[in-house]
N, C-alpha and C. Protein backbone atom coordinates (compact mmCIF):
# COMPACT_ATOMS: atom_id res chain seq x y z
N LYS A 1 53.89 45.32 9.44
CA LYS A 1 52.60 45.79 9.95
C LYS A 1 52.11 44.84 11.04
N LYS A 2 51.73 45.41 12.12
CA LYS A 2 51.18 44.57 13.19
C LYS A 2 49.67 44.69 13.17
N ARG A 3 49.01 43.59 13.02
CA ARG A 3 47.55 43.62 12.96
C ARG A 3 46.94 43.37 14.33
N THR A 4 47.59 42.56 15.13
CA THR A 4 47.07 42.27 16.46
C THR A 4 48.17 42.44 17.48
N PRO A 5 47.82 42.67 18.72
CA PRO A 5 48.83 42.89 19.77
C PRO A 5 49.68 41.64 20.01
N ASP A 6 49.21 40.48 19.56
CA ASP A 6 49.95 39.24 19.83
C ASP A 6 50.95 38.93 18.73
N CYS A 7 51.02 39.80 17.72
CA CYS A 7 51.93 39.53 16.61
C CYS A 7 53.37 39.74 17.03
N LYS A 8 54.22 38.88 16.51
CA LYS A 8 55.66 39.04 16.75
C LYS A 8 56.36 39.12 15.41
N ILE A 9 57.38 39.95 15.34
CA ILE A 9 58.15 40.05 14.11
C ILE A 9 59.44 39.28 14.29
N VAL A 10 59.66 38.32 13.43
CA VAL A 10 60.86 37.49 13.52
C VAL A 10 61.67 37.66 12.25
N ARG A 11 62.97 37.81 12.42
CA ARG A 11 63.84 37.99 11.26
C ARG A 11 64.64 36.71 11.07
N ARG A 12 64.59 36.13 9.87
CA ARG A 12 65.30 34.90 9.61
C ARG A 12 65.81 34.90 8.18
N ASN A 13 67.09 34.72 8.02
CA ASN A 13 67.68 34.67 6.68
C ASN A 13 67.37 35.93 5.87
N GLY A 14 67.35 37.06 6.55
CA GLY A 14 67.11 38.32 5.84
C GLY A 14 65.66 38.53 5.47
N ARG A 15 64.77 37.67 5.98
CA ARG A 15 63.35 37.85 5.68
C ARG A 15 62.60 38.20 6.95
N LEU A 16 61.51 38.89 6.78
CA LEU A 16 60.70 39.27 7.93
C LEU A 16 59.48 38.36 8.00
N TYR A 17 59.32 37.73 9.13
CA TYR A 17 58.14 36.89 9.32
C TYR A 17 57.29 37.49 10.42
N ILE A 18 55.98 37.48 10.22
CA ILE A 18 55.07 37.93 11.27
C ILE A 18 54.31 36.70 11.75
N ILE A 19 54.52 36.36 13.01
CA ILE A 19 53.85 35.18 13.54
C ILE A 19 52.94 35.57 14.69
N ASN A 20 51.86 34.83 14.81
CA ASN A 20 50.91 35.07 15.89
C ASN A 20 50.55 33.73 16.50
N LYS A 21 50.90 33.56 17.77
CA LYS A 21 50.68 32.26 18.41
C LYS A 21 49.19 32.01 18.64
N LYS A 22 48.43 33.06 18.94
CA LYS A 22 47.01 32.86 19.22
C LYS A 22 46.21 32.73 17.93
N ASN A 23 46.66 33.42 16.89
CA ASN A 23 45.93 33.41 15.62
C ASN A 23 46.88 33.10 14.47
N PRO A 24 47.14 31.84 14.18
CA PRO A 24 48.11 31.48 13.14
C PRO A 24 47.69 31.98 11.77
N LYS A 25 46.43 32.33 11.60
CA LYS A 25 46.00 32.79 10.27
C LYS A 25 46.58 34.16 9.94
N TYR A 26 47.16 34.82 10.93
CA TYR A 26 47.73 36.15 10.69
C TYR A 26 49.16 36.07 10.18
N LYS A 27 49.62 34.86 9.85
CA LYS A 27 51.00 34.71 9.39
C LYS A 27 51.22 35.47 8.09
N GLN A 28 52.32 36.19 8.02
CA GLN A 28 52.66 36.91 6.81
C GLN A 28 54.13 36.76 6.54
N ARG A 29 54.52 36.96 5.29
CA ARG A 29 55.93 36.93 4.96
C ARG A 29 56.26 38.16 4.15
N GLN A 30 57.37 38.80 4.49
CA GLN A 30 57.79 39.99 3.78
C GLN A 30 59.24 39.85 3.38
N GLY A 31 59.60 40.43 2.22
CA GLY A 31 60.99 40.45 1.82
C GLY A 31 61.37 39.29 0.94
């Protein structure tokens, strides 16, 4: 789920990470 336009979805070790450089509080982890 993308909450803000600045969110990026990164895949690492089979997990999905959502990172936001402007708003680090939007960090999420899935999987």
